[in-house]
Amino acid sequence: MQDPDFAEIVGLICKEDTRFDRKAYDFIRQGLDHAVKELKKKDAPRAGRSRHVSGPELLEGLKVYALDQFGPLAKTVLNSWGVKRCSDFGDIVFNLIEYNVFSKTDNDRREDFSDLYTFEDAFVKPFLPTKARKGSSSTEAVGSV
């Protein structure tokens, strides 16, 4: 169930910035939660302490979360929401910061989201078939001698 305040804020943001679907904001929020959980696992010795997630850490977390949620359709789903590159994630994050949904440090900048990876590399290439082995042919007859 969605937080009514979050839904209202996203509605206001979407009226001002029509580039992204509301679902993209929900995805960013859930992706941040996922990234925080993953970082806590890695930071186990310092467990229990809250820490800020950097732009590149969030981008990596969003990539993993998108692949987990949507598999080979990740790029298609994100594109349908208007999200076509890493900097779009940054624009959504900074829209949420402007409405005090997310917080930032003095070191956080939009540039932190500047295309750490291409959507093609992150969401398409992992699902492409590997090159056929040398000498094998798909036109060979099965069982021929």
N, C-alpha and C. Protein backbone atom coordinates (compact mmCIF):
# COMPACT_ATOMS: atom_id res chain seq x y z
N MET A 1 0.85 -1.19 0.00
CA MET A 1 0.00 0.00 0.00
C MET A 1 0.88 1.24 0.00
N GLN A 2 0.52 2.20 -0.77
CA GLN A 2 1.28 3.41 -0.93
C GLN A 2 0.93 4.43 0.14
N ASP A 3 1.94 5.14 0.63
CA ASP A 3 1.76 6.22 1.60
C ASP A 3 0.97 7.35 0.92
N PRO A 4 -0.18 7.77 1.50
CA PRO A 4 -0.99 8.80 0.84
C PRO A 4 -0.23 10.12 0.65
N ASP A 5 0.62 10.49 1.60
CA ASP A 5 1.40 11.71 1.44
C ASP A 5 2.35 11.59 0.25
N PHE A 6 2.99 10.45 0.11
CA PHE A 6 3.90 10.23 -1.00
C PHE A 6 3.14 10.33 -2.32
N ALA A 7 1.99 9.69 -2.38
CA ALA A 7 1.17 9.72 -3.60
C ALA A 7 0.76 11.16 -3.94
N GLU A 8 0.40 11.94 -2.93
CA GLU A 8 0.01 13.33 -3.17
C GLU A 8 1.20 14.14 -3.70
N ILE A 9 2.35 13.95 -3.08
CA ILE A 9 3.54 14.69 -3.49
C ILE A 9 3.93 14.31 -4.91
N VAL A 10 3.90 13.03 -5.22
CA VAL A 10 4.23 12.60 -6.58
C VAL A 10 3.23 13.19 -7.57
N GLY A 11 1.98 13.28 -7.20
CA GLY A 11 0.98 13.91 -8.06
C GLY A 11 1.35 15.36 -8.36
N LEU A 12 1.78 16.09 -7.33
CA LEU A 12 2.20 17.48 -7.52
C LEU A 12 3.44 17.57 -8.42
N ILE A 13 4.40 16.69 -8.16
CA ILE A 13 5.62 16.70 -8.97
C ILE A 13 5.29 16.42 -10.43
N CYS A 14 4.43 15.43 -10.67
CA CYS A 14 4.08 15.05 -12.05
C CYS A 14 3.32 16.15 -12.78
N LYS A 15 2.63 17.02 -12.05
CA LYS A 15 1.98 18.16 -12.69
C LYS A 15 3.02 19.18 -13.15
N GLU A 16 4.10 19.33 -12.37
CA GLU A 16 5.16 20.28 -12.71
C GLU A 16 6.14 19.71 -13.73
N ASP A 17 6.47 18.44 -13.58
CA ASP A 17 7.45 17.79 -14.45
C ASP A 17 6.78 16.56 -15.05
N THR A 18 6.33 16.70 -16.27
CA THR A 18 5.53 15.64 -16.91
C THR A 18 6.39 14.59 -17.62
N ARG A 19 7.70 14.66 -17.49
CA ARG A 19 8.56 13.71 -18.21
C ARG A 19 8.41 12.27 -17.73
N PHE A 20 8.12 12.09 -16.44
CA PHE A 20 8.16 10.75 -15.86
C PHE A 20 6.81 10.33 -15.31
N ASP A 21 6.49 9.07 -15.50
CA ASP A 21 5.26 8.48 -14.97
C ASP A 21 5.37 8.36 -13.44
N ARG A 22 4.23 8.38 -12.79
CA ARG A 22 4.18 8.22 -11.33
C ARG A 22 4.88 6.94 -10.88
N LYS A 23 4.75 5.89 -11.71
CA LYS A 23 5.35 4.60 -11.35
C LYS A 23 6.86 4.70 -11.23
N ALA A 24 7.47 5.61 -11.96
CA ALA A 24 8.93 5.79 -11.87
C ALA A 24 9.31 6.28 -10.47
N TYR A 25 8.49 7.13 -9.88
CA TYR A 25 8.76 7.62 -8.53
C TYR A 25 8.61 6.50 -7.49
N ASP A 26 7.59 5.68 -7.67
CA ASP A 26 7.41 4.53 -6.78
C ASP A 26 8.61 3.59 -6.90
N PHE A 27 9.06 3.37 -8.14
CA PHE A 27 10.21 2.50 -8.37
C PHE A 27 11.46 3.05 -7.68
N ILE A 28 11.70 4.34 -7.79
CA ILE A 28 12.87 4.97 -7.15
C ILE A 28 12.81 4.79 -5.64
N ARG A 29 11.64 5.01 -5.08
CA ARG A 29 11.48 4.86 -3.63
C ARG A 29 11.76 3.42 -3.19
N GLN A 30 11.17 2.46 -3.90
CA GLN A 30 11.39 1.06 -3.56
C GLN A 30 12.83 0.64 -3.84
N GLY A 31 13.38 1.17 -4.93
CA GLY A 31 14.78 0.87 -5.28
C GLY A 31 15.75 1.41 -4.25
N LEU A 32 15.44 2.57 -3.68
CA LEU A 32 16.28 3.11 -2.61
C LEU A 32 16.23 2.20 -1.39
N ASP A 33 15.05 1.75 -1.03
CA ASP A 33 14.91 0.82 0.10
C ASP A 33 15.74 -0.44 -0.15
N HIS A 34 15.66 -0.95 -1.36
CA HIS A 34 16.42 -2.15 -1.73
C HIS A 34 17.93 -1.87 -1.63
N ALA A 35 18.37 -0.73 -2.15
CA ALA A 35 19.80 -0.38 -2.11
C ALA A 35 20.29 -0.25 -0.67
N VAL A 36 19.48 0.35 0.18
CA VAL A 36 19.86 0.51 1.60
C VAL A 36 20.03 -0.85 2.25
N LYS A 37 19.10 -1.76 2.00
CA LYS A 37 19.20 -3.11 2.58
C LYS A 37 20.45 -3.82 2.11
N GLU A 38 20.76 -3.71 0.81
CA GLU A 38 21.96 -4.35 0.27
C GLU A 38 23.23 -3.74 0.86
N LEU A 39 23.25 -2.43 1.01
CA LEU A 39 24.43 -1.77 1.59
C LEU A 39 24.61 -2.15 3.06
N LYS A 40 23.50 -2.33 3.77
CA LYS A 40 23.59 -2.75 5.17
C LYS A 40 24.22 -4.14 5.28
N LYS A 41 23.89 -5.02 4.33
CA LYS A 41 24.49 -6.36 4.33
C LYS A 41 26.00 -6.26 4.14
N LYS A 42 26.43 -5.39 3.23
CA LYS A 42 27.86 -5.21 2.96
C LYS A 42 28.57 -4.54 4.13
N ASP A 43 27.86 -3.64 4.81
CA ASP A 43 28.43 -2.90 5.93
C ASP A 43 28.15 -3.58 7.26
N ALA A 44 28.01 -4.89 7.25
CA ALA A 44 27.63 -5.65 8.45
C ALA A 44 28.43 -5.27 9.70
N PRO A 45 29.75 -5.06 9.63
CA PRO A 45 30.48 -4.68 10.84
C PRO A 45 29.97 -3.39 11.47
N ARG A 46 29.42 -2.51 10.65
CA ARG A 46 28.90 -1.24 11.17
C ARG A 46 27.38 -1.26 11.24
N ALA A 47 26.81 -2.45 11.29
CA ALA A 47 25.36 -2.61 11.26
C ALA A 47 24.68 -1.77 12.33
N GLY A 48 23.48 -1.35 12.00
CA GLY A 48 22.69 -0.58 12.95
C GLY A 48 22.86 0.92 12.76
N ARG A 49 23.96 1.31 12.15
CA ARG A 49 24.19 2.73 11.91
C ARG A 49 23.59 3.12 10.57
N SER A 50 22.86 4.19 10.57
CA SER A 50 22.28 4.69 9.33
C SER A 50 23.35 5.43 8.55
N ARG A 51 23.31 5.26 7.22
CA ARG A 51 24.28 5.99 6.42
C ARG A 51 23.64 6.46 5.13
N HIS A 52 24.20 7.49 4.58
CA HIS A 52 23.69 8.10 3.36
C HIS A 52 24.07 7.23 2.15
N VAL A 53 23.19 7.16 1.18
CA VAL A 53 23.45 6.43 -0.06
C VAL A 53 23.86 7.46 -1.11
N SER A 54 25.02 7.25 -1.70
CA SER A 54 25.51 8.18 -2.73
C SER A 54 24.77 7.94 -4.05
N GLY A 55 24.91 8.89 -4.96
CA GLY A 55 24.30 8.75 -6.28
C GLY A 55 24.73 7.49 -6.99
N PRO A 56 26.06 7.25 -7.11
CA PRO A 56 26.50 6.01 -7.78
C PRO A 56 26.02 4.74 -7.07
N GLU A 57 25.98 4.75 -5.74
CA GLU A 57 25.46 3.58 -5.02
C GLU A 57 23.99 3.36 -5.33
N LEU A 58 23.24 4.45 -5.39
CA LEU A 58 21.81 4.33 -5.70
C LEU A 58 21.62 3.84 -7.13
N LEU A 59 22.41 4.36 -8.07
CA LEU A 59 22.30 3.90 -9.46
C LEU A 59 22.56 2.40 -9.57
N GLU A 60 23.57 1.93 -8.88
CA GLU A 60 23.87 0.50 -8.90
C GLU A 60 22.72 -0.29 -8.28
N GLY A 61 22.20 0.21 -7.16
CA GLY A 61 21.06 -0.45 -6.51
C GLY A 61 19.82 -0.47 -7.38
N LEU A 62 19.57 0.62 -8.11
CA LEU A 62 18.42 0.68 -9.00
C LEU A 62 18.57 -0.30 -10.16
N LYS A 63 19.79 -0.44 -10.65
CA LYS A 63 20.04 -1.39 -11.74
C LYS A 63 19.72 -2.81 -11.26
N VAL A 64 20.25 -3.19 -10.12
CA VAL A 64 20.02 -4.53 -9.58
C VAL A 64 18.54 -4.75 -9.31
N TYR A 65 17.90 -3.75 -8.73
CA TYR A 65 16.47 -3.85 -8.40
C TYR A 65 15.63 -3.99 -9.67
N ALA A 66 15.94 -3.21 -10.71
CA ALA A 66 15.18 -3.29 -11.97
C ALA A 66 15.33 -4.66 -12.60
N LEU A 67 16.56 -5.18 -12.61
CA LEU A 67 16.79 -6.51 -13.18
C LEU A 67 16.05 -7.57 -12.38
N ASP A 68 16.03 -7.42 -11.06
CA ASP A 68 15.34 -8.36 -10.20
C ASP A 68 13.82 -8.31 -10.42
N GLN A 69 13.29 -7.11 -10.55
CA GLN A 69 11.84 -6.95 -10.67
C GLN A 69 11.31 -7.24 -12.07
N PHE A 70 12.08 -6.85 -13.10
CA PHE A 70 11.55 -6.89 -14.46
C PHE A 70 12.33 -7.77 -15.43
N GLY A 71 13.48 -8.29 -15.00
CA GLY A 71 14.28 -9.16 -15.86
C GLY A 71 14.55 -8.52 -17.21
N PRO A 72 14.37 -9.29 -18.29
CA PRO A 72 14.68 -8.77 -19.62
C PRO A 72 13.78 -7.63 -20.08
N LEU A 73 12.71 -7.37 -19.35
CA LEU A 73 11.82 -6.26 -19.70
C LEU A 73 12.18 -4.95 -18.98
N ALA A 74 13.26 -4.96 -18.20
CA ALA A 74 13.61 -3.78 -17.39
C ALA A 74 13.71 -2.51 -18.23
N LYS A 75 14.44 -2.56 -19.31
CA LYS A 75 14.61 -1.35 -20.14
C LYS A 75 13.27 -0.91 -20.72
N THR A 76 12.48 -1.85 -21.18
CA THR A 76 11.17 -1.53 -21.75
C THR A 76 10.27 -0.87 -20.72
N VAL A 77 10.23 -1.43 -19.52
CA VAL A 77 9.38 -0.88 -18.46
C VAL A 77 9.85 0.53 -18.09
N LEU A 78 11.15 0.69 -17.84
CA LEU A 78 11.68 2.00 -17.46
C LEU A 78 11.42 3.03 -18.56
N ASN A 79 11.68 2.64 -19.81
CA ASN A 79 11.44 3.56 -20.93
C ASN A 79 9.97 3.97 -21.01
N SER A 80 9.05 3.04 -20.71
CA SER A 80 7.62 3.36 -20.77
C SER A 80 7.24 4.40 -19.72
N TRP A 81 8.06 4.52 -18.68
CA TRP A 81 7.83 5.52 -17.64
C TRP A 81 8.58 6.82 -17.93
N GLY A 82 9.27 6.89 -19.06
CA GLY A 82 10.03 8.08 -19.41
C GLY A 82 11.47 8.06 -18.94
N VAL A 83 11.90 6.96 -18.35
CA VAL A 83 13.25 6.84 -17.81
C VAL A 83 14.10 6.12 -18.85
N LYS A 84 15.07 6.86 -19.41
CA LYS A 84 15.85 6.31 -20.52
C LYS A 84 17.35 6.31 -20.27
N ARG A 85 17.77 6.95 -19.19
CA ARG A 85 19.21 7.02 -18.87
C ARG A 85 19.38 7.29 -17.37
N CYS A 86 20.59 7.09 -16.91
CA CYS A 86 20.89 7.28 -15.48
C CYS A 86 20.53 8.69 -15.00
N SER A 87 20.79 9.69 -15.83
CA SER A 87 20.50 11.06 -15.41
C SER A 87 19.00 11.27 -15.16
N ASP A 88 18.15 10.47 -15.81
CA ASP A 88 16.71 10.54 -15.52
C ASP A 88 16.43 10.10 -14.08
N PHE A 89 17.13 9.05 -13.63
CA PHE A 89 17.00 8.64 -12.23
C PHE A 89 17.37 9.82 -11.32
N GLY A 90 18.45 10.50 -11.67
CA GLY A 90 18.89 11.66 -10.88
C GLY A 90 17.85 12.77 -10.86
N ASP A 91 17.22 13.03 -12.01
CA ASP A 91 16.18 14.06 -12.05
C ASP A 91 15.02 13.70 -11.14
N ILE A 92 14.64 12.44 -11.13
CA ILE A 92 13.54 12.00 -10.25
C ILE A 92 13.95 12.15 -8.79
N VAL A 93 15.16 11.72 -8.46
CA VAL A 93 15.65 11.83 -7.09
C VAL A 93 15.64 13.29 -6.65
N PHE A 94 16.13 14.18 -7.50
CA PHE A 94 16.19 15.59 -7.12
C PHE A 94 14.81 16.24 -7.08
N ASN A 95 13.86 15.75 -7.87
CA ASN A 95 12.48 16.21 -7.71
C ASN A 95 11.97 15.83 -6.32
N LEU A 96 12.28 14.62 -5.89
CA LEU A 96 11.84 14.18 -4.55
C LEU A 96 12.56 14.94 -3.45
N ILE A 97 13.80 15.31 -3.67
CA ILE A 97 14.55 16.12 -2.71
C ILE A 97 13.91 17.50 -2.57
N GLU A 98 13.53 18.10 -3.71
CA GLU A 98 12.91 19.43 -3.69
C GLU A 98 11.62 19.45 -2.89
N TYR A 99 10.94 18.31 -2.83
CA TYR A 99 9.69 18.21 -2.07
C TYR A 99 9.92 17.58 -0.69
N ASN A 100 11.17 17.52 -0.27
CA ASN A 100 11.55 17.01 1.05
C ASN A 100 11.13 15.57 1.32
N VAL A 101 10.99 14.78 0.26
CA VAL A 101 10.71 13.35 0.43
C VAL A 101 12.03 12.63 0.70
N PHE A 102 13.07 12.99 -0.05
CA PHE A 102 14.42 12.49 0.17
C PHE A 102 15.27 13.62 0.69
N SER A 103 16.33 13.26 1.38
CA SER A 103 17.27 14.28 1.86
C SER A 103 18.57 14.15 1.09
N LYS A 104 19.40 15.17 1.19
CA LYS A 104 20.69 15.15 0.52
C LYS A 104 21.73 15.78 1.42
N THR A 105 22.98 15.46 1.13
CA THR A 105 24.08 16.09 1.82
C THR A 105 24.60 17.23 0.95
N ASP A 106 25.50 18.01 1.49
CA ASP A 106 26.10 19.11 0.73
C ASP A 106 26.91 18.60 -0.46
N ASN A 107 27.32 17.34 -0.40
CA ASN A 107 28.13 16.77 -1.47
C ASN A 107 27.31 16.17 -2.61
N ASP A 108 26.00 16.01 -2.43
CA ASP A 108 25.16 15.38 -3.45
C ASP A 108 24.85 16.38 -4.56
N ARG A 109 25.01 15.88 -5.81
CA ARG A 109 24.74 16.72 -6.98
C ARG A 109 24.04 15.88 -8.05
N ARG A 110 23.35 16.56 -8.93
CA ARG A 110 22.71 15.86 -10.06
C ARG A 110 23.75 15.12 -10.89
N GLU A 111 24.93 15.70 -11.00
CA GLU A 111 26.00 15.10 -11.79
C GLU A 111 26.40 13.72 -11.27
N ASP A 112 26.09 13.42 -10.02
CA ASP A 112 26.39 12.10 -9.45
C ASP A 112 25.66 11.00 -10.20
N PHE A 113 24.62 11.39 -10.93
CA PHE A 113 23.80 10.42 -11.67
C PHE A 113 24.10 10.45 -13.17
N SER A 114 25.21 11.05 -13.51
CA SER A 114 25.56 11.19 -14.94
C SER A 114 26.01 9.87 -15.53
N ASP A 115 25.08 9.20 -16.11
CA ASP A 115 25.32 8.03 -16.95
C ASP A 115 26.47 7.13 -16.52
N LEU A 116 26.33 6.55 -15.36
CA LEU A 116 27.28 5.57 -14.85
C LEU A 116 27.30 4.33 -15.74
N TYR A 117 26.15 4.03 -16.33
CA TYR A 117 26.03 2.92 -17.28
C TYR A 117 24.98 3.30 -18.31
N THR A 118 25.01 2.64 -19.46
CA THR A 118 23.94 2.84 -20.44
C THR A 118 22.85 1.81 -20.16
N PHE A 119 21.64 2.13 -20.51
CA PHE A 119 20.55 1.19 -20.29
C PHE A 119 20.73 -0.05 -21.17
N GLU A 120 21.35 0.13 -22.31
CA GLU A 120 21.64 -0.99 -23.19
C GLU A 120 22.57 -1.98 -22.48
N ASP A 121 23.67 -1.46 -21.90
CA ASP A 121 24.63 -2.32 -21.20
C ASP A 121 24.02 -2.96 -19.95
N ALA A 122 23.24 -2.19 -19.22
CA ALA A 122 22.71 -2.67 -17.94
C ALA A 122 21.52 -3.61 -18.09
N PHE A 123 20.63 -3.31 -19.02
CA PHE A 123 19.35 -4.01 -19.05
C PHE A 123 19.10 -4.88 -20.29
N VAL A 124 19.93 -4.75 -21.31
CA VAL A 124 19.73 -5.54 -22.52
C VAL A 124 20.84 -6.59 -22.66
N LYS A 125 22.08 -6.16 -22.60
CA LYS A 125 23.20 -7.07 -22.84
C LYS A 125 23.22 -8.31 -21.94
N PRO A 126 22.82 -8.20 -20.67
CA PRO A 126 22.84 -9.42 -19.84
C PRO A 126 21.94 -10.54 -20.37
N PHE A 127 21.00 -10.20 -21.23
CA PHE A 127 20.03 -11.18 -21.71
C PHE A 127 20.27 -11.60 -23.16
N LEU A 128 21.30 -11.04 -23.78
CA LEU A 128 21.61 -11.43 -25.14
C LEU A 128 22.28 -12.79 -25.14
N PRO A 129 22.01 -13.60 -26.17
CA PRO A 129 22.66 -14.92 -26.22
C PRO A 129 24.16 -14.76 -26.44
N THR A 130 24.91 -15.70 -25.93
CA THR A 130 26.36 -15.68 -26.15
C THR A 130 26.61 -16.08 -27.59
N LYS A 131 27.74 -15.68 -28.14
CA LYS A 131 28.06 -15.99 -29.53
C LYS A 131 28.12 -17.49 -29.74
N ALA A 132 27.66 -17.91 -30.91
CA ALA A 132 27.68 -19.34 -31.24
C ALA A 132 29.12 -19.83 -31.29
N ARG A 133 29.33 -21.07 -30.89
CA ARG A 133 30.68 -21.64 -30.90
C ARG A 133 31.15 -21.83 -32.33
N LYS A 134 32.44 -21.70 -32.53
CA LYS A 134 33.01 -21.89 -33.87
C LYS A 134 32.73 -23.31 -34.33
N GLY A 135 32.40 -23.45 -35.62
CA GLY A 135 32.18 -24.77 -36.18
C GLY A 135 30.76 -25.27 -36.05
N SER A 136 29.96 -24.67 -35.17
CA SER A 136 28.59 -25.13 -35.04
C SER A 136 27.72 -24.31 -35.96
N SER A 137 26.73 -24.93 -36.51
CA SER A 137 25.84 -24.25 -37.44
C SER A 137 24.41 -24.63 -37.11
N SER A 138 23.55 -23.65 -37.14
CA SER A 138 22.15 -23.93 -36.84
C SER A 138 21.46 -24.62 -38.01
N THR A 139 22.13 -24.66 -39.17
CA THR A 139 21.51 -25.30 -40.33
C THR A 139 21.91 -26.75 -40.49
N GLU A 140 22.79 -27.27 -39.59
CA GLU A 140 23.17 -28.67 -39.68
C GLU A 140 21.97 -29.56 -39.38
N ALA A 141 21.88 -30.63 -40.09
CA ALA A 141 20.79 -31.58 -39.89
C ALA A 141 21.03 -32.34 -38.60
N VAL A 142 19.97 -32.54 -37.85
CA VAL A 142 20.08 -33.28 -36.60
C VAL A 142 20.22 -34.75 -36.92
N GLY A 143 21.21 -35.38 -36.34
CA GLY A 143 21.39 -36.83 -36.49
C GLY A 143 22.01 -37.24 -37.81
N SER A 144 22.53 -36.29 -38.60
CA SER A 144 23.17 -36.68 -39.86
C SER A 144 24.53 -37.29 -39.61
N VAL A 145 24.96 -38.14 -40.51
CA VAL A 145 26.26 -38.82 -40.36
C VAL A 145 27.22 -38.47 -41.44
